[in-house]
């Protein structure tokens, strides 16, 4: 049952918040030892709040009594926000992040906080404080990152709804790998106040999208309308058919598995019956991965280094070497290696000016190009691989990210809203998703097309491996 249905059943008196909350807590206790998704719980408080919600009368919020999970990166009053770093293990917050405050006002009950990589700086979820999170469908495979704890928890049905953040696929990787639905907001549509770490570079801020993860497209719309500055309004059925649906031109430069290609073809063939469907390479697609890497390297990782080593005594080169040689380090090698990369590939001031010009020109061009156009991309070239492989593909010194990251980077570089929906599985029964994206203001069309594809294809299916 998705969050929308749970909220309705509670509203109608067919379910109590207490029984729903207790059921989720029981399930988390059963599954979490195998997956390591929830890293801090507030079960006692959640049960007490559920009793209060059940006793309330009068007007109720859209998520009244619905149990949800929160990515560890968001401040929740009375809980820790650590970034997965041992140095910050006692960092207890005394206020809520902006989105958490809105979710509480809507009546949601927070079950706990879910795991991330250190400082959310990797597409796999592992850190020195809490350890590694495993995939909801196969413990030997990655849950993705940085919202990997959310993805895996929701993949086994451990919460009714969750929230992630995405500056480089951090909602879309975990949604794709764990078979859940995720919605990355467009640039500046959802407040990042109270998110750790905060973005300090303006060009990085435009790449960050915050948004829901869950079990249905309706749930994405429900939460987005609570947390976003501008809510999604329903459009008429005929309006969605005024949009052109664009798939990428087939090519060998950005490889996909045979199964991924086959699933994309099925989606395209289905849509051809009702929509104008094209194959094309949208503007700036080929440049997107490099632009993403360069923007993420502006500042040379200085702000992240200052957070990871607040005393100023840390050295990312030394920490990486220590982990490799003696197996000990203040930070996880995923973080130290990523920060080394940011130092080595920091764009010059002249190159930063070029990037700003490209983005300004591209924003204007894409605003027209995406006016009545929805893009459908794969999320990644494969379903969830074994632990460590995504990290190697994205952070390799050989720059293999240039062929694997364009599908993800495009929505970040251009600040586009993107909806991820599971549409099939591979031979190992691992989920495979597509993403629908367009410009800010077209969220309603994205949501409506998402509902159509969700109804026709796989959609969310709960993993029962840990029941």
Protein backbone atom coordinates (compact mmCIF):
# COMPACT_ATOMS: atom_id res chain seq x y z
CA UNK A 1 0.00 0.00 0.00
CA UNK A 2 1.43 3.37 -0.98
CA UNK A 3 1.46 6.48 1.22
CA UNK A 4 -1.48 8.02 -0.64
CA UNK A 5 -3.63 4.97 0.12
CA UNK A 6 -2.46 4.76 3.74
CA UNK A 7 -3.30 8.43 4.31
CA UNK A 8 -6.76 7.87 2.83
CA UNK A 9 -7.42 4.76 4.96
CA UNK A 10 -6.37 6.60 8.13
CA UNK A 11 -8.54 9.55 7.15
CA UNK A 12 -11.53 7.25 6.57
CA UNK A 13 -11.01 5.40 9.86
CA UNK A 14 -10.18 2.05 8.25
CA UNK A 15 -6.64 2.09 9.67
CA UNK A 16 -5.09 3.71 12.71
CA UNK A 17 -1.77 5.47 12.60
CA UNK A 18 -0.65 3.37 15.57
CA UNK A 19 -1.18 0.03 13.85
CA UNK A 20 0.47 1.25 10.63
CA UNK A 21 3.46 2.70 12.50
CA UNK A 22 3.88 -0.47 14.57
CA UNK A 23 3.77 -2.61 11.44
CA UNK A 24 6.55 -0.59 9.80
CA UNK A 25 8.69 -0.69 12.94
CA UNK A 26 8.32 -4.46 13.16
CA UNK A 27 9.33 -4.84 9.52
CA UNK A 28 12.34 -2.54 9.88
CA UNK A 29 13.59 -4.53 12.87
CA UNK A 30 13.33 -7.68 10.77
CA UNK A 31 15.02 -6.35 7.61
CA UNK A 32 17.52 -3.77 8.83
CA UNK A 33 20.16 -6.18 10.23
CA UNK A 34 20.64 -7.55 6.70
CA UNK A 35 20.49 -4.23 4.86
CA UNK A 36 21.78 -1.54 7.24
CA UNK A 37 19.40 1.10 5.94
CA UNK A 38 18.12 2.87 9.06
CA UNK A 39 21.03 4.26 11.11
CA UNK A 40 19.09 6.10 13.81
CA UNK A 41 15.53 5.37 14.88
CA UNK A 42 12.94 7.22 16.92
CA UNK A 43 10.52 4.31 17.30
CA UNK A 44 9.28 5.18 20.79
CA UNK A 45 8.60 8.77 19.78
CA UNK A 46 6.92 7.62 16.56
CA UNK A 47 4.52 5.33 18.44
CA UNK A 48 3.66 8.10 20.89
CA UNK A 49 3.02 10.51 18.03
CA UNK A 50 0.86 7.91 16.27
CA UNK A 51 -1.37 7.65 19.33
CA UNK A 52 -1.68 11.44 19.38
CA UNK A 53 -2.56 11.52 15.67
CA UNK A 54 -5.28 8.94 16.19
CA UNK A 55 -6.78 11.02 18.98
CA UNK A 56 -6.82 14.23 16.96
CA UNK A 57 -10.03 15.53 15.45
CA UNK A 58 -10.73 18.29 13.00
CA UNK A 59 -8.63 19.27 10.01
CA UNK A 60 -5.77 16.92 9.17
CA UNK A 61 -2.72 17.28 6.98
CA UNK A 62 -2.16 15.36 3.74
CA UNK A 63 0.22 12.90 5.47
CA UNK A 64 -1.63 12.70 8.78
CA UNK A 65 -0.37 9.66 10.69
CA UNK A 66 1.74 8.31 7.80
CA UNK A 67 5.15 6.84 8.86
CA UNK A 68 8.07 8.07 6.73
CA UNK A 69 11.85 7.88 6.66
CA UNK A 70 14.32 10.75 6.28
CA UNK A 71 17.73 10.76 4.62
CA UNK A 72 20.47 11.25 7.21
CA UNK A 73 21.56 14.45 5.45
CA UNK A 74 18.45 16.33 6.66
CA UNK A 75 18.31 17.91 10.10
CA UNK A 76 15.63 16.51 12.40
CA UNK A 77 15.34 18.14 15.78
CA UNK A 78 16.76 15.90 18.51
CA UNK A 79 18.51 13.59 16.04
CA UNK A 80 22.05 13.38 14.67
CA UNK A 81 23.16 14.70 11.30
CA UNK A 82 26.66 13.30 10.84
CA UNK A 83 27.34 12.97 7.13
CA UNK A 84 28.53 9.45 7.99
CA UNK A 85 31.70 10.90 9.55
CA UNK A 86 33.03 9.62 12.88
CA UNK A 87 34.13 13.17 13.71
CA UNK A 88 30.50 14.28 13.71
CA UNK A 89 28.97 11.26 15.48
CA UNK A 90 27.56 13.39 18.31
CA UNK A 91 26.27 16.22 16.10
CA UNK A 92 22.70 16.46 17.43
CA UNK A 93 20.51 19.09 15.81
CA UNK A 94 18.08 21.37 17.61
CA UNK A 95 15.89 22.32 14.64
CA UNK A 96 14.31 20.77 11.55
CA UNK A 97 15.37 21.18 7.95
CA UNK A 98 12.87 23.17 5.88
CA UNK A 99 11.44 20.07 4.18
CA UNK A 100 11.23 18.15 7.47
CA UNK A 101 9.28 20.99 9.04
CA UNK A 102 6.81 20.93 6.13
CA UNK A 103 6.41 17.15 6.33
CA UNK A 104 5.73 17.32 10.05
CA UNK A 105 3.19 20.09 9.49
CA UNK A 106 1.48 17.79 6.98
CA UNK A 107 1.13 15.18 9.74
CA UNK A 108 3.91 12.75 8.83
CA UNK A 109 5.51 10.60 11.52
CA UNK A 110 9.27 10.16 11.25
CA UNK A 111 10.47 6.62 11.92
CA UNK A 112 14.17 7.40 11.66
CA UNK A 113 17.07 8.45 9.45
CA UNK A 114 18.69 6.44 6.67
CA UNK A 115 22.28 5.86 5.63
CA UNK A 116 24.37 7.85 3.13
CA UNK A 117 27.96 7.86 1.92
CA UNK A 118 30.20 10.37 3.67
CA UNK A 119 29.02 13.92 2.94
CA UNK A 120 26.74 12.42 0.25
CA UNK A 121 29.81 12.43 -2.01
CA UNK A 122 29.46 9.09 -3.76
CA UNK A 123 26.93 7.07 -5.75
CA UNK A 124 27.36 4.11 -3.38
CA UNK A 125 26.39 4.11 0.29
CA UNK A 126 29.21 3.28 2.70
CA UNK A 127 30.91 5.27 5.45
CA UNK A 128 33.24 4.97 8.42
CA UNK A 129 30.54 5.65 11.01
CA UNK A 130 27.63 3.42 10.01
CA UNK A 131 29.06 1.07 7.38
CA UNK A 132 27.66 -0.18 4.10
CA UNK A 133 24.04 -0.38 2.98
CA UNK A 134 22.99 -3.37 0.87
CA UNK A 135 20.57 -3.59 -2.02
CA UNK A 136 16.95 -4.49 -1.30
CA UNK A 137 17.02 -7.28 -3.89
CA UNK A 138 20.50 -8.74 -3.39
CA UNK A 139 22.83 -8.09 -0.43
CA UNK A 140 25.89 -8.52 -2.63
CA UNK A 141 24.90 -5.55 -4.79
CA UNK A 142 25.00 -1.81 -4.27
CA UNK A 143 22.03 0.18 -3.02
CA UNK A 144 23.36 3.21 -4.87
CA UNK A 145 23.86 6.62 -3.35
CA UNK A 146 23.82 9.00 -1.91
CA UNK A 147 20.21 8.30 -0.86
CA UNK A 148 21.04 4.58 -0.71
CA UNK A 149 19.57 4.02 2.74
CA UNK A 150 16.26 5.49 1.57
CA UNK A 151 16.29 3.39 -1.60
CA UNK A 152 16.97 0.10 0.15
CA UNK A 153 14.55 0.74 3.02
CA UNK A 154 11.73 1.68 0.65
CA UNK A 155 12.66 -1.22 -1.62
CA UNK A 156 11.72 -3.68 1.15
CA UNK A 157 8.73 -1.59 2.18
CA UNK A 158 10.26 -0.29 5.41
CA UNK A 159 8.47 3.08 5.27
CA UNK A 160 5.44 4.48 3.53
CA UNK A 161 7.45 7.28 1.93
CA UNK A 162 10.91 8.85 2.11
CA UNK A 163 12.92 11.83 0.98
CA UNK A 164 16.28 12.06 -0.78
CA UNK A 165 18.52 14.65 -2.41
CA UNK A 166 20.29 14.55 -5.76
CA UNK A 167 23.32 16.49 -7.04
CA UNK A 168 24.69 13.63 -9.15
CA UNK A 169 22.02 10.95 -9.35
CA UNK A 170 21.58 10.56 -5.60
CA UNK A 171 17.83 10.00 -5.82
CA UNK A 172 17.86 8.31 -9.21
CA UNK A 173 20.64 5.75 -8.66
CA UNK A 174 19.04 4.30 -5.48
CA UNK A 175 15.56 4.40 -7.03
CA UNK A 176 16.79 2.56 -10.11
CA UNK A 177 18.90 0.00 -8.21
CA UNK A 178 16.25 -0.80 -5.56
CA UNK A 179 13.15 -0.60 -7.73
CA UNK A 180 11.46 2.38 -6.11
CA UNK A 181 10.03 5.56 -7.59
CA UNK A 182 11.90 8.82 -7.08
CA UNK A 183 11.40 12.43 -8.08
CA UNK A 184 14.34 14.85 -8.25
CA UNK A 185 13.10 18.42 -8.19
CA UNK A 186 14.26 21.05 -10.66
CA UNK A 187 16.73 23.76 -9.64
CA UNK A 188 15.68 25.96 -6.72
CA UNK A 189 12.22 24.40 -6.39
CA UNK A 190 12.73 22.90 -2.91
CA UNK A 191 14.62 24.59 -0.08
CA UNK A 192 17.92 22.97 0.92
CA UNK A 193 17.98 24.72 4.30
CA UNK A 194 19.03 22.18 6.92
CA UNK A 195 20.67 19.79 4.42
CA UNK A 196 24.18 18.58 5.30
CA UNK A 197 26.46 19.36 3.65
CA UNK A 198 25.12 22.58 2.22
CA UNK A 199 26.19 23.70 -1.24
CA UNK A 200 28.45 26.74 -1.15
CA UNK A 201 29.09 27.17 -4.87
CA UNK A 202 26.20 28.73 -6.86
CA UNK A 203 26.81 26.48 -9.86
CA UNK A 204 26.57 23.45 -7.59
CA UNK A 205 23.38 24.75 -5.97
CA UNK A 206 21.60 24.77 -9.33
CA UNK A 207 22.45 21.07 -9.75
CA UNK A 208 20.92 20.02 -6.42
CA UNK A 209 17.38 18.67 -6.47
CA UNK A 210 15.51 17.48 -3.38
CA UNK A 211 12.53 15.21 -3.55
CA UNK A 212 10.46 12.20 -2.57
CA UNK A 213 11.18 8.51 -2.94
CA UNK A 214 8.46 5.90 -2.56
CA UNK A 215 6.05 3.41 -4.02
CA UNK A 216 3.93 5.29 -6.55
CA UNK A 217 3.89 8.31 -8.81
CA UNK A 218 0.88 9.55 -6.81
CA UNK A 219 3.13 9.54 -3.74
CA UNK A 220 5.70 11.63 -5.60
CA UNK A 221 3.03 14.19 -6.42
CA UNK A 222 1.69 14.11 -2.86
CA UNK A 223 5.02 14.84 -1.16
CA UNK A 224 6.27 17.23 -3.83
CA UNK A 225 3.19 19.39 -3.37
CA UNK A 226 4.02 19.58 0.34
CA UNK A 227 7.72 20.45 0.11
CA UNK A 228 8.03 22.42 -3.15
CA UNK A 229 7.73 26.15 -3.63
CA UNK A 230 5.27 25.59 -6.51
CA UNK A 231 2.86 22.66 -6.38
CA UNK A 232 2.06 20.40 -9.32
CA UNK A 233 -1.36 21.04 -10.78
CA UNK A 234 -3.22 18.40 -12.75
CA UNK A 235 -3.35 18.96 -16.49
CA UNK A 236 -6.08 17.75 -18.79
CA UNK A 237 -5.65 14.37 -20.47
CA UNK A 238 -5.47 15.91 -23.92
CA UNK A 239 -2.71 18.29 -22.81
CA UNK A 240 -0.22 15.51 -22.10
CA UNK A 241 -0.73 14.30 -25.68
CA UNK A 242 0.41 17.70 -26.93
CA UNK A 243 3.91 16.84 -25.70
CA UNK A 244 6.56 15.21 -27.87
CA UNK A 245 8.28 12.25 -26.18
CA UNK A 246 11.96 12.10 -27.04
CA UNK A 247 14.24 9.09 -26.68
CA UNK A 248 17.99 9.21 -27.19
CA UNK A 249 19.48 8.26 -30.52
CA UNK A 250 21.10 4.81 -30.43
CA UNK A 251 24.87 5.02 -30.12
CA UNK A 252 27.91 3.03 -29.03
CA UNK A 253 29.61 5.87 -27.13
CA UNK A 254 27.33 5.58 -24.10
CA UNK A 255 26.83 1.81 -23.81
CA UNK A 256 23.77 0.11 -22.34
CA UNK A 257 23.20 -3.54 -21.50
CA UNK A 258 21.11 -5.51 -23.97
CA UNK A 259 18.32 -5.82 -21.38
CA UNK A 260 18.25 -2.06 -20.75
CA UNK A 261 18.09 -1.38 -24.48
CA UNK A 262 15.28 -3.91 -24.92
CA UNK A 263 13.23 -2.43 -22.10
CA UNK A 264 13.63 1.08 -23.50
CA UNK A 265 12.39 -0.18 -26.88
CA UNK A 266 9.28 -1.66 -25.24
CA UNK A 267 8.53 1.67 -23.57
CA UNK A 268 9.06 3.53 -26.84
CA UNK A 269 6.87 1.13 -28.82
CA UNK A 270 4.09 1.46 -26.25
CA UNK A 271 4.16 5.26 -26.37
CA UNK A 272 4.18 5.36 -30.17
CA UNK A 273 0.56 4.29 -30.12
CA UNK A 274 -0.61 7.49 -28.42
CA UNK A 275 2.14 10.10 -28.61
CA UNK A 276 4.44 11.84 -31.02
CA UNK A 277 7.70 9.98 -30.36
CA UNK A 278 11.12 11.04 -31.64
CA UNK A 279 14.70 9.84 -31.34
CA UNK A 280 17.27 12.56 -30.98
CA UNK A 281 20.26 13.78 -29.02
CA UNK A 282 19.09 16.81 -27.02
CA UNK A 283 21.28 19.92 -26.84
CA UNK A 284 24.38 19.61 -24.63
CA UNK A 285 23.86 15.92 -23.86
CA UNK A 286 27.37 14.95 -24.88
CA UNK A 287 28.92 17.75 -22.82
CA UNK A 288 26.89 17.06 -19.68
CA UNK A 289 29.14 14.53 -17.91
CA UNK A 290 32.26 16.69 -18.20
CA UNK A 291 30.35 19.81 -17.16
CA UNK A 292 29.01 17.95 -14.12
CA UNK A 293 32.49 16.84 -13.08
CA UNK A 294 33.93 20.31 -13.55
CA UNK A 295 31.15 22.01 -11.60
CA UNK A 296 31.51 19.50 -8.76
CA UNK A 297 35.26 20.28 -8.71
CA UNK A 298 34.88 24.07 -8.45
CA UNK A 299 36.60 25.06 -5.24
CA UNK A 300 38.73 21.91 -5.32
CA UNK A 301 36.54 20.26 -2.68
CA UNK A 302 37.68 22.83 -0.12
CA UNK A 303 34.31 23.19 1.63
CA UNK A 304 33.95 19.39 1.96
CA UNK A 305 37.53 19.09 3.23
CA UNK A 306 36.80 21.74 5.86
CA UNK A 307 33.77 19.75 7.02
CA UNK A 308 35.60 16.40 7.02
CA UNK A 309 38.63 17.85 8.81
CA UNK A 310 37.31 20.75 10.92
CA UNK A 311 40.59 21.09 12.82
CA UNK A 312 42.43 21.75 9.56
CA UNK A 313 44.76 18.84 10.25
CA UNK A 314 43.49 16.48 7.54
CA UNK A 315 45.17 15.63 4.25
CA UNK A 316 43.07 13.76 1.71
CA UNK A 317 46.10 12.34 -0.08
CA UNK A 318 47.50 11.01 3.21
CA UNK A 319 44.15 9.65 4.36
CA UNK A 320 43.66 7.75 1.11
CA UNK A 321 47.18 6.30 1.33
CA UNK A 322 46.71 5.33 5.00
CA UNK A 323 43.54 3.40 4.16
CA UNK A 324 45.26 1.55 1.33
CA UNK A 325 48.47 0.78 3.28
CA UNK A 326 47.38 0.19 6.89
CA UNK A 327 43.61 -0.08 6.50
CA UNK A 328 42.83 2.87 8.77
CA UNK A 329 41.72 6.39 7.98
CA UNK A 330 39.64 9.23 9.40
CA UNK A 331 37.41 9.06 6.33
CA UNK A 332 36.19 6.45 3.88
CA UNK A 333 38.36 6.06 0.75
CA UNK A 334 35.32 6.85 -1.41
CA UNK A 335 35.36 10.36 0.06
CA UNK A 336 39.12 10.90 0.12
CA UNK A 337 39.49 9.72 -3.48
CA UNK A 338 36.61 11.94 -4.65
CA UNK A 339 38.17 14.94 -2.92
CA UNK A 340 41.55 14.16 -4.47
CA UNK A 341 39.79 14.22 -7.83
CA UNK A 342 38.20 17.59 -7.02
CA UNK A 343 41.65 18.97 -6.18
CA UNK A 344 43.29 17.55 -9.31
CA UNK A 345 40.54 18.54 -11.76
CA UNK A 346 39.53 21.91 -10.33
CA UNK A 347 38.68 24.09 -13.35
CA UNK A 348 40.69 27.24 -13.81
CA UNK A 349 39.10 30.65 -13.39
CA UNK A 350 39.10 31.03 -17.18
CA UNK A 351 37.37 27.66 -17.62
CA UNK A 352 34.80 28.58 -14.95
CA UNK A 353 33.89 31.66 -16.98
CA UNK A 354 33.44 29.44 -20.05
CA UNK A 355 31.22 27.07 -18.03
CA UNK A 356 29.04 29.97 -16.86
CA UNK A 357 28.62 31.15 -20.43
CA UNK A 358 27.70 27.63 -21.58
CA UNK A 359 25.12 27.33 -18.80
CA UNK A 360 23.60 30.73 -19.56
CA UNK A 361 23.30 29.95 -23.26
CA UNK A 362 22.10 26.41 -22.56
CA UNK A 363 19.41 27.53 -20.13
CA UNK A 364 17.95 29.82 -22.77
CA UNK A 365 18.13 27.19 -25.50
CA UNK A 366 16.67 24.37 -23.41
CA UNK A 367 13.83 26.55 -22.14
CA UNK A 368 12.51 26.63 -25.69
CA UNK A 369 13.55 23.12 -26.66
CA UNK A 370 11.76 21.54 -23.67
CA UNK A 371 8.67 23.71 -23.85
CA UNK A 372 6.38 20.86 -24.96
CA UNK A 373 8.89 18.02 -24.84
CA UNK A 374 9.53 15.22 -22.35
CA UNK A 375 12.83 13.33 -22.44
CA UNK A 376 13.07 9.65 -21.56
CA UNK A 377 16.56 8.43 -20.61
CA UNK A 378 17.89 5.28 -19.03
CA UNK A 379 19.18 5.89 -15.51
CA UNK A 380 22.37 3.84 -15.81
CA UNK A 381 23.83 1.41 -18.31
CA UNK A 382 22.99 -1.58 -16.12
CA UNK A 383 20.93 -2.74 -13.15
CA UNK A 384 22.57 -2.66 -9.72
CA UNK A 385 26.08 -4.16 -9.95
CA UNK A 386 28.14 -5.70 -7.17
CA UNK A 387 29.37 -3.42 -4.40
CA UNK A 388 32.14 -1.07 -5.47
CA UNK A 389 31.66 -1.20 -9.22
CA UNK A 390 29.69 2.03 -9.61
CA UNK A 391 32.33 3.88 -7.59
CA UNK A 392 35.07 2.54 -9.87
CA UNK A 393 33.16 3.49 -13.02
CA UNK A 394 32.42 7.05 -11.91
CA UNK A 395 35.65 7.89 -10.07
CA UNK A 396 38.19 6.06 -12.22
CA UNK A 397 41.32 8.02 -13.16
CA UNK A 398 40.58 6.83 -16.71
CA UNK A 399 37.53 9.13 -16.70
CA UNK A 400 35.09 6.35 -17.57
CA UNK A 401 32.40 8.60 -16.07
CA UNK A 402 32.32 10.34 -19.45
CA UNK A 403 30.51 7.34 -20.97
CA UNK A 404 28.45 6.27 -17.94
CA UNK A 405 27.30 9.57 -16.38
CA UNK A 406 25.63 11.61 -19.18
CA UNK A 407 22.24 9.97 -18.53
CA UNK A 408 22.38 11.12 -14.91
CA UNK A 409 24.38 14.34 -15.26
CA UNK A 410 22.01 15.95 -17.77
CA UNK A 411 19.26 16.66 -15.24
CA UNK A 412 21.77 17.98 -12.69
CA UNK A 413 23.75 20.27 -14.98
CA UNK A 414 20.59 21.82 -16.42
CA UNK A 415 18.59 21.76 -13.19
CA UNK A 416 15.77 19.65 -14.61
CA UNK A 417 13.05 17.82 -12.66
CA UNK A 418 13.37 14.07 -13.26
CA UNK A 419 11.05 11.20 -12.35
CA UNK A 420 12.49 7.68 -12.04
CA UNK A 421 10.15 4.70 -12.59
CA UNK A 422 10.97 0.96 -12.59
CA UNK A 423 9.85 -0.52 -15.92
CA UNK A 424 11.44 -3.99 -15.97
CA UNK A 425 14.00 -6.41 -14.59
CA UNK A 426 17.15 -8.11 -15.82
CA UNK A 427 17.92 -11.85 -15.81
CA UNK A 428 18.89 -11.64 -12.12
CA UNK A 429 15.50 -10.08 -11.24
CA UNK A 430 17.19 -6.75 -10.54
CA UNK A 431 15.03 -3.69 -11.28
CA UNK A 432 15.66 -1.46 -14.30
CA UNK A 433 14.18 2.03 -14.48
CA UNK A 434 13.78 4.91 -16.86
CA UNK A 435 13.75 8.61 -16.05
CA UNK A 436 11.39 11.23 -17.45
CA UNK A 437 12.65 14.80 -17.42
CA UNK A 438 11.79 18.23 -18.75
CA UNK A 439 12.13 21.84 -17.67
CA UNK A 440 10.83 23.52 -14.52
CA UNK A 441 7.11 24.15 -14.97
CA UNK A 442 6.50 20.86 -16.77
CA UNK A 443 6.31 18.79 -13.59
CA UNK A 444 2.62 18.09 -14.18
CA UNK A 445 3.33 16.55 -17.57
CA UNK A 446 6.19 14.49 -16.14
CA UNK A 447 3.92 13.19 -13.39
CA UNK A 448 1.08 12.39 -15.78
CA UNK A 449 3.32 10.47 -18.19
CA UNK A 450 4.80 8.70 -15.19
CA UNK A 451 1.36 7.48 -14.13
CA UNK A 452 0.75 6.12 -17.63
CA UNK A 453 4.04 4.19 -17.70
CA UNK A 454 3.64 3.02 -14.10
CA UNK A 455 0.28 1.48 -14.97
CA UNK A 456 1.64 -0.28 -18.07
CA UNK A 457 5.02 -1.48 -16.86
CA UNK A 458 6.61 -2.86 -13.69
CA UNK A 459 6.23 0.07 -11.32
CA UNK A 460 7.05 -0.47 -7.66
CA UNK A 461 7.20 -4.05 -6.43
CA UNK A 462 8.26 -4.64 -2.84
CA UNK A 463 11.22 -6.94 -2.24
CA UNK A 464 10.12 -9.72 0.12
CA UNK A 465 13.59 -11.25 0.55
CA UNK A 466 13.86 -10.02 4.12
CA UNK A 467 10.33 -10.68 5.38
